[in-house]
Amino acid sequence: MNANTITRKEEQVNISSEASKFGLSVVMGMAALIGIWGAACLIGGMADSGISGLAMGLLTAVTGA
């Protein structure tokens, strides 16, 4: 005669910790995308007007002159 044995495993999950990990990963992912976008814009600006033109544009933007 075969006896069927059913085993059951229960695991405690802290939902606030899991939600916090998920939220942190979403924020870090968005920060990475924004950083990549900023670097791409900086490279595009340097390709368009060169380093001196980029520096002059930055100085003009800051001083307003």
PDB file of N, CA and C in Angstrom:
ATOM      1  N   MET A   1       0.829  -1.173   0.000  1.00  0.00           N
ATOM      2  CA  MET A   1       0.000   0.000   0.000  1.00  0.00           C
ATOM      3  C   MET A   1       0.881   1.246   0.000  1.00  0.00           C
ATOM      4  N   ASN A   2       0.599   2.160  -0.913  1.00  0.00           N
ATOM      5  CA  ASN A   2       1.358   3.406  -0.990  1.00  0.00           C
ATOM      6  C   ASN A   2       0.609   4.515  -0.265  1.00  0.00           C
ATOM      7  N   ALA A   3       1.333   5.215   0.539  1.00  0.00           N
ATOM      8  CA  ALA A   3       0.741   6.348   1.244  1.00  0.00           C
ATOM      9  C   ALA A   3       1.244   7.637   0.594  1.00  0.00           C
ATOM     10  N   ASN A   4       0.329   8.452   0.194  1.00  0.00           N
ATOM     11  CA  ASN A   4       0.712   9.730  -0.399  1.00  0.00           C
ATOM     12  C   ASN A   4       1.011  10.725   0.714  1.00  0.00           C
ATOM     13  N   THR A   5       2.166  11.340   0.598  1.00  0.00           N
ATOM     14  CA  THR A   5       2.565  12.319   1.596  1.00  0.00           C
ATOM     15  C   THR A   5       2.555  13.701   0.952  1.00  0.00           C
ATOM     16  N   ILE A   6       1.860  14.600   1.554  1.00  0.00           N
ATOM     17  CA  ILE A   6       1.798  15.973   1.059  1.00  0.00           C
ATOM     18  C   ILE A   6       2.577  16.839   2.036  1.00  0.00           C
ATOM     19  N   THR A   7       3.562  17.511   1.499  1.00  0.00           N
ATOM     20  CA  THR A   7       4.327  18.424   2.343  1.00  0.00           C
ATOM     21  C   THR A   7       3.959  19.847   1.964  1.00  0.00           C
ATOM     22  N   ARG A   8       3.958  20.682   2.931  1.00  0.00           N
ATOM     23  CA  ARG A   8       3.564  22.061   2.716  1.00  0.00           C
ATOM     24  C   ARG A   8       4.590  22.971   3.373  1.00  0.00           C
ATOM     25  N   LYS A   9       4.995  23.978   2.641  1.00  0.00           N
ATOM     26  CA  LYS A   9       5.991  24.906   3.165  1.00  0.00           C
ATOM     27  C   LYS A   9       5.376  26.301   3.193  1.00  0.00           C
ATOM     28  N   GLU A  10       5.445  26.923   4.334  1.00  0.00           N
ATOM     29  CA  GLU A  10       4.944  28.292   4.479  1.00  0.00           C
ATOM     30  C   GLU A  10       6.119  29.214   4.709  1.00  0.00           C
ATOM     31  N   GLU A  11       6.021  30.366   4.100  1.00  0.00           N
ATOM     32  CA  GLU A  11       7.107  31.329   4.213  1.00  0.00           C
ATOM     33  C   GLU A  11       6.525  32.681   4.603  1.00  0.00           C
ATOM     34  N   GLN A  12       7.143  33.305   5.557  1.00  0.00           N
ATOM     35  CA  GLN A  12       6.701  34.622   5.997  1.00  0.00           C
ATOM     36  C   GLN A  12       7.331  35.681   5.090  1.00  0.00           C
ATOM     37  N   VAL A  13       6.510  36.582   4.572  1.00  0.00           N
ATOM     38  CA  VAL A  13       6.985  37.640   3.694  1.00  0.00           C
ATOM     39  C   VAL A  13       6.591  38.978   4.310  1.00  0.00           C
ATOM     40  N   ASN A  14       7.575  39.852   4.437  1.00  0.00           N
ATOM     41  CA  ASN A  14       7.305  41.190   4.939  1.00  0.00           C
ATOM     42  C   ASN A  14       6.957  42.079   3.748  1.00  0.00           C
ATOM     43  N   ILE A  15       5.679  42.414   3.596  1.00  0.00           N
ATOM     44  CA  ILE A  15       5.209  43.117   2.410  1.00  0.00           C
ATOM     45  C   ILE A  15       5.771  44.524   2.336  1.00  0.00           C
ATOM     46  N   SER A  16       5.973  45.181   3.455  1.00  0.00           N
ATOM     47  CA  SER A  16       6.511  46.539   3.409  1.00  0.00           C
ATOM     48  C   SER A  16       7.962  46.537   2.931  1.00  0.00           C
ATOM     49  N   SER A  17       8.712  45.526   3.310  1.00  0.00           N
ATOM     50  CA  SER A  17      10.089  45.422   2.855  1.00  0.00           C
ATOM     51  C   SER A  17      10.139  45.142   1.355  1.00  0.00           C
ATOM     52  N   GLU A  18       9.284  44.274   0.874  1.00  0.00           N
ATOM     53  CA  GLU A  18       9.247  43.954  -0.552  1.00  0.00           C
ATOM     54  C   GLU A  18       8.805  45.167  -1.370  1.00  0.00           C
ATOM     55  N   ALA A  19       7.824  45.912  -0.882  1.00  0.00           N
ATOM     56  CA  ALA A  19       7.366  47.108  -1.586  1.00  0.00           C
ATOM     57  C   ALA A  19       8.456  48.165  -1.611  1.00  0.00           C
ATOM     58  N   SER A  20       9.192  48.272  -0.520  1.00  0.00           N
ATOM     59  CA  SER A  20      10.284  49.232  -0.457  1.00  0.00           C
ATOM     60  C   SER A  20      11.388  48.871  -1.443  1.00  0.00           C
ATOM     61  N   LYS A  21      11.711  47.592  -1.555  1.00  0.00           N
ATOM     62  CA  LYS A  21      12.726  47.152  -2.511  1.00  0.00           C
ATOM     63  C   LYS A  21      12.280  47.439  -3.941  1.00  0.00           C
ATOM     64  N   PHE A  22      11.014  47.193  -4.224  1.00  0.00           N
ATOM     65  CA  PHE A  22      10.491  47.450  -5.564  1.00  0.00           C
ATOM     66  C   PHE A  22      10.525  48.944  -5.884  1.00  0.00           C
ATOM     67  N   GLY A  23      10.087  49.773  -4.945  1.00  0.00           N
ATOM     68  CA  GLY A  23      10.098  51.220  -5.147  1.00  0.00           C
ATOM     69  C   GLY A  23      11.504  51.754  -5.348  1.00  0.00           C
ATOM     70  N   LEU A  24      12.444  51.246  -4.570  1.00  0.00           N
ATOM     71  CA  LEU A  24      13.829  51.681  -4.707  1.00  0.00           C
ATOM     72  C   LEU A  24      14.393  51.290  -6.068  1.00  0.00           C
ATOM     73  N   SER A  25      14.066  50.104  -6.540  1.00  0.00           N
ATOM     74  CA  SER A  25      14.572  49.675  -7.846  1.00  0.00           C
ATOM     75  C   SER A  25      13.967  50.515  -8.972  1.00  0.00           C
ATOM     76  N   VAL A  26      12.714  50.915  -8.837  1.00  0.00           N
ATOM     77  CA  VAL A  26      12.086  51.767  -9.853  1.00  0.00           C
ATOM     78  C   VAL A  26      12.758  53.141  -9.873  1.00  0.00           C
ATOM     79  N   VAL A  27      13.005  53.709  -8.692  1.00  0.00           N
ATOM     80  CA  VAL A  27      13.639  55.024  -8.612  1.00  0.00           C
ATOM     81  C   VAL A  27      15.062  54.969  -9.157  1.00  0.00           C
ATOM     82  N   MET A  28      15.802  53.924  -8.824  1.00  0.00           N
ATOM     83  CA  MET A  28      17.171  53.796  -9.322  1.00  0.00           C
ATOM     84  C   MET A  28      17.190  53.625 -10.841  1.00  0.00           C
ATOM     85  N   GLY A  29      16.243  52.883 -11.375  1.00  0.00           N
ATOM     86  CA  GLY A  29      16.150  52.713 -12.820  1.00  0.00           C
ATOM     87  C   GLY A  29      15.859  54.024 -13.531  1.00  0.00           C
ATOM     88  N   MET A  30      14.936  54.805 -12.976  1.00  0.00           N
ATOM     89  CA  MET A  30      14.619  56.106 -13.574  1.00  0.00           C
ATOM     90  C   MET A  30      15.807  57.053 -13.481  1.00  0.00           C
ATOM     91  N   ALA A  31      16.539  57.034 -12.362  1.00  0.00           N
ATOM     92  CA  ALA A  31      17.724  57.878 -12.223  1.00  0.00           C
ATOM     93  C   ALA A  31      18.782  57.504 -13.257  1.00  0.00           C
ATOM     94  N   ALA A  32      18.927  56.215 -13.513  1.00  0.00           N
ATOM     95  CA  ALA A  32      19.888  55.770 -14.523  1.00  0.00           C
ATOM     96  C   ALA A  32      19.476  56.252 -15.915  1.00  0.00           C
ATOM     97  N   LEU A  33      18.204  56.158 -16.236  1.00  0.00           N
ATOM     98  CA  LEU A  33      17.731  56.632 -17.535  1.00  0.00           C
ATOM     99  C   LEU A  33      17.935  58.134 -17.696  1.00  0.00           C
ATOM    100  N   ILE A  34      17.690  58.901 -16.639  1.00  0.00           N
ATOM    101  CA  ILE A  34      17.883  60.346 -16.702  1.00  0.00           C
ATOM    102  C   ILE A  34      19.364  60.670 -16.876  1.00  0.00           C
ATOM    103  N   GLY A  35      20.240  59.940 -16.194  1.00  0.00           N
ATOM    104  CA  GLY A  35      21.676  60.154 -16.342  1.00  0.00           C
ATOM    105  C   GLY A  35      22.166  59.839 -17.739  1.00  0.00           C
ATOM    106  N   ILE A  36      21.674  58.765 -18.318  1.00  0.00           N
ATOM    107  CA  ILE A  36      22.048  58.396 -19.685  1.00  0.00           C
ATOM    108  C   ILE A  36      21.553  59.454 -20.669  1.00  0.00           C
ATOM    109  N   TRP A  37      20.331  59.942 -20.461  1.00  0.00           N
ATOM    110  CA  TRP A  37      19.785  60.980 -21.331  1.00  0.00           C
ATOM    111  C   TRP A  37      20.612  62.261 -21.225  1.00  0.00           C
ATOM    112  N   GLY A  38      21.006  62.638 -20.022  1.00  0.00           N
ATOM    113  CA  GLY A  38      21.828  63.833 -19.834  1.00  0.00           C
ATOM    114  C   GLY A  38      23.179  63.702 -20.506  1.00  0.00           C
ATOM    115  N   ALA A  39      23.800  62.543 -20.392  1.00  0.00           N
ATOM    116  CA  ALA A  39      25.098  62.319 -21.046  1.00  0.00           C
ATOM    117  C   ALA A  39      24.948  62.373 -22.567  1.00  0.00           C
ATOM    118  N   ALA A  40      23.863  61.828 -23.090  1.00  0.00           N
ATOM    119  CA  ALA A  40      23.630  61.878 -24.536  1.00  0.00           C
ATOM    120  C   ALA A  40      23.435  63.315 -25.014  1.00  0.00           C
ATOM    121  N   CYS A  41      22.739  64.116 -24.222  1.00  0.00           N
ATOM    122  CA  CYS A  41      22.549  65.519 -24.588  1.00  0.00           C
ATOM    123  C   CYS A  41      23.864  66.287 -24.538  1.00  0.00           C
ATOM    124  N   LEU A  42      24.702  66.003 -23.561  1.00  0.00           N
ATOM    125  CA  LEU A  42      26.001  66.660 -23.460  1.00  0.00           C
ATOM    126  C   LEU A  42      26.894  66.298 -24.644  1.00  0.00           C
ATOM    127  N   ILE A  43      26.902  65.037 -25.009  1.00  0.00           N
ATOM    128  CA  ILE A  43      27.691  64.597 -26.159  1.00  0.00           C
ATOM    129  C   ILE A  43      27.153  65.229 -27.447  1.00  0.00           C
ATOM    130  N   GLY A  44      25.845  65.317 -27.575  1.00  0.00           N
ATOM    131  CA  GLY A  44      25.249  65.952 -28.751  1.00  0.00           C
ATOM    132  C   GLY A  44      25.602  67.429 -28.833  1.00  0.00           C
ATOM    133  N   GLY A  45      25.614  68.112 -27.690  1.00  0.00           N
ATOM    134  CA  GLY A  45      25.983  69.526 -27.680  1.00  0.00           C
ATOM    135  C   GLY A  45      27.435  69.734 -28.048  1.00  0.00           C
ATOM    136  N   MET A  46      28.304  68.843 -27.568  1.00  0.00           N
ATOM    137  CA  MET A  46      29.716  68.958 -27.922  1.00  0.00           C
ATOM    138  C   MET A  46      29.939  68.645 -29.405  1.00  0.00           C
ATOM    139  N   ALA A  47      29.186  67.722 -29.947  1.00  0.00           N
ATOM    140  CA  ALA A  47      29.324  67.374 -31.355  1.00  0.00           C
ATOM    141  C   ALA A  47      28.827  68.508 -32.250  1.00  0.00           C
ATOM    142  N   ASP A  48      27.831  69.232 -31.775  1.00  0.00           N
ATOM    143  CA  ASP A  48      27.245  70.308 -32.580  1.00  0.00           C
ATOM    144  C   ASP A  48      28.109  71.564 -32.582  1.00  0.00           C
ATOM    145  N   SER A  49      28.578  71.997 -31.410  1.00  0.00           N
ATOM    146  CA  SER A  49      29.274  73.285 -31.353  1.00  0.00           C
ATOM    147  C   SER A  49      30.666  73.203 -30.741  1.00  0.00           C
ATOM    148  N   GLY A  50      31.120  72.047 -30.369  1.00  0.00           N
ATOM    149  CA  GLY A  50      32.449  71.907 -29.785  1.00  0.00           C
ATOM    150  C   GLY A  50      32.460  72.276 -28.305  1.00  0.00           C
ATOM    151  N   ILE A  51      33.604  72.039 -27.685  1.00  0.00           N
ATOM    152  CA  ILE A  51      33.719  72.284 -26.244  1.00  0.00           C
ATOM    153  C   ILE A  51      33.658  73.772 -25.942  1.00  0.00           C
ATOM    154  N   SER A  52      34.323  74.596 -26.769  1.00  0.00           N
ATOM    155  CA  SER A  52      34.324  76.041 -26.508  1.00  0.00           C
ATOM    156  C   SER A  52      32.931  76.638 -26.702  1.00  0.00           C
ATOM    157  N   GLY A  53      32.221  76.195 -27.712  1.00  0.00           N
ATOM    158  CA  GLY A  53      30.856  76.676 -27.925  1.00  0.00           C
ATOM    159  C   GLY A  53      29.925  76.243 -26.806  1.00  0.00           C
ATOM    160  N   LEU A  54      30.132  75.036 -26.307  1.00  0.00           N
ATOM    161  CA  LEU A  54      29.314  74.538 -25.207  1.00  0.00           C
ATOM    162  C   LEU A  54      29.589  75.337 -23.934  1.00  0.00           C
ATOM    163  N   ALA A  55      30.863  75.631 -23.680  1.00  0.00           N
ATOM    164  CA  ALA A  55      31.225  76.421 -22.504  1.00  0.00           C
ATOM    165  C   ALA A  55      30.689  77.842 -22.623  1.00  0.00           C
ATOM    166  N   MET A  56      30.760  78.438 -23.812  1.00  0.00           N
ATOM    167  CA  MET A  56      30.242  79.787 -24.016  1.00  0.00           C
ATOM    168  C   MET A  56      28.730  79.815 -23.838  1.00  0.00           C
ATOM    169  N   GLY A  57      28.048  78.804 -24.333  1.00  0.00           N
ATOM    170  CA  GLY A  57      26.601  78.714 -24.164  1.00  0.00           C
ATOM    171  C   GLY A  57      26.210  78.565 -22.703  1.00  0.00           C
ATOM    172  N   LEU A  58      26.981  77.773 -21.943  1.00  0.00           N
ATOM    173  CA  LEU A  58      26.716  77.600 -20.519  1.00  0.00           C
ATOM    174  C   LEU A  58      26.922  78.915 -19.785  1.00  0.00           C
ATOM    175  N   LEU A  59      28.004  79.607 -20.093  1.00  0.00           N
ATOM    176  CA  LEU A  59      28.290  80.888 -19.462  1.00  0.00           C
ATOM    177  C   LEU A  59      27.210  81.915 -19.782  1.00  0.00           C
ATOM    178  N   THR A  60      26.751  81.920 -21.021  1.00  0.00           N
ATOM    179  CA  THR A  60      25.680  82.834 -21.426  1.00  0.00           C
ATOM    180  C   THR A  60      24.382  82.500 -20.698  1.00  0.00           C
ATOM    181  N   ALA A  61      24.084  81.223 -20.537  1.00  0.00           N
ATOM    182  CA  ALA A  61      22.867  80.808 -19.850  1.00  0.00           C
ATOM    183  C   ALA A  61      22.897  81.187 -18.372  1.00  0.00           C
ATOM    184  N   VAL A  62      24.072  81.074 -17.749  1.00  0.00           N
ATOM    185  CA  VAL A  62      24.177  81.370 -16.319  1.00  0.00           C
ATOM    186  C   VAL A  62      24.149  82.875 -16.067  1.00  0.00           C
ATOM    187  N   THR A  63      24.894  83.636 -16.867  1.00  0.00           N
ATOM    188  CA  THR A  63      24.979  85.084 -16.627  1.00  0.00           C
ATOM    189  C   THR A  63      23.850  85.851 -17.278  1.00  0.00           C
ATOM    190  N   GLY A  64      23.288  85.346 -18.335  1.00  0.00           N
ATOM    191  CA  GLY A  64      22.201  86.027 -19.028  1.00  0.00           C
ATOM    192  C   GLY A  64      22.699  87.087 -19.994  1.00  0.00           C
ATOM    193  N   ALA A  65      23.983  87.149 -20.232  1.00  0.00           N
ATOM    194  CA  ALA A  65      24.530  88.178 -21.132  1.00  0.00           C
ATOM    195  C   ALA A  65      24.866  87.583 -22.478  1.00  0.00           C
TER     196      ALA A  65
END
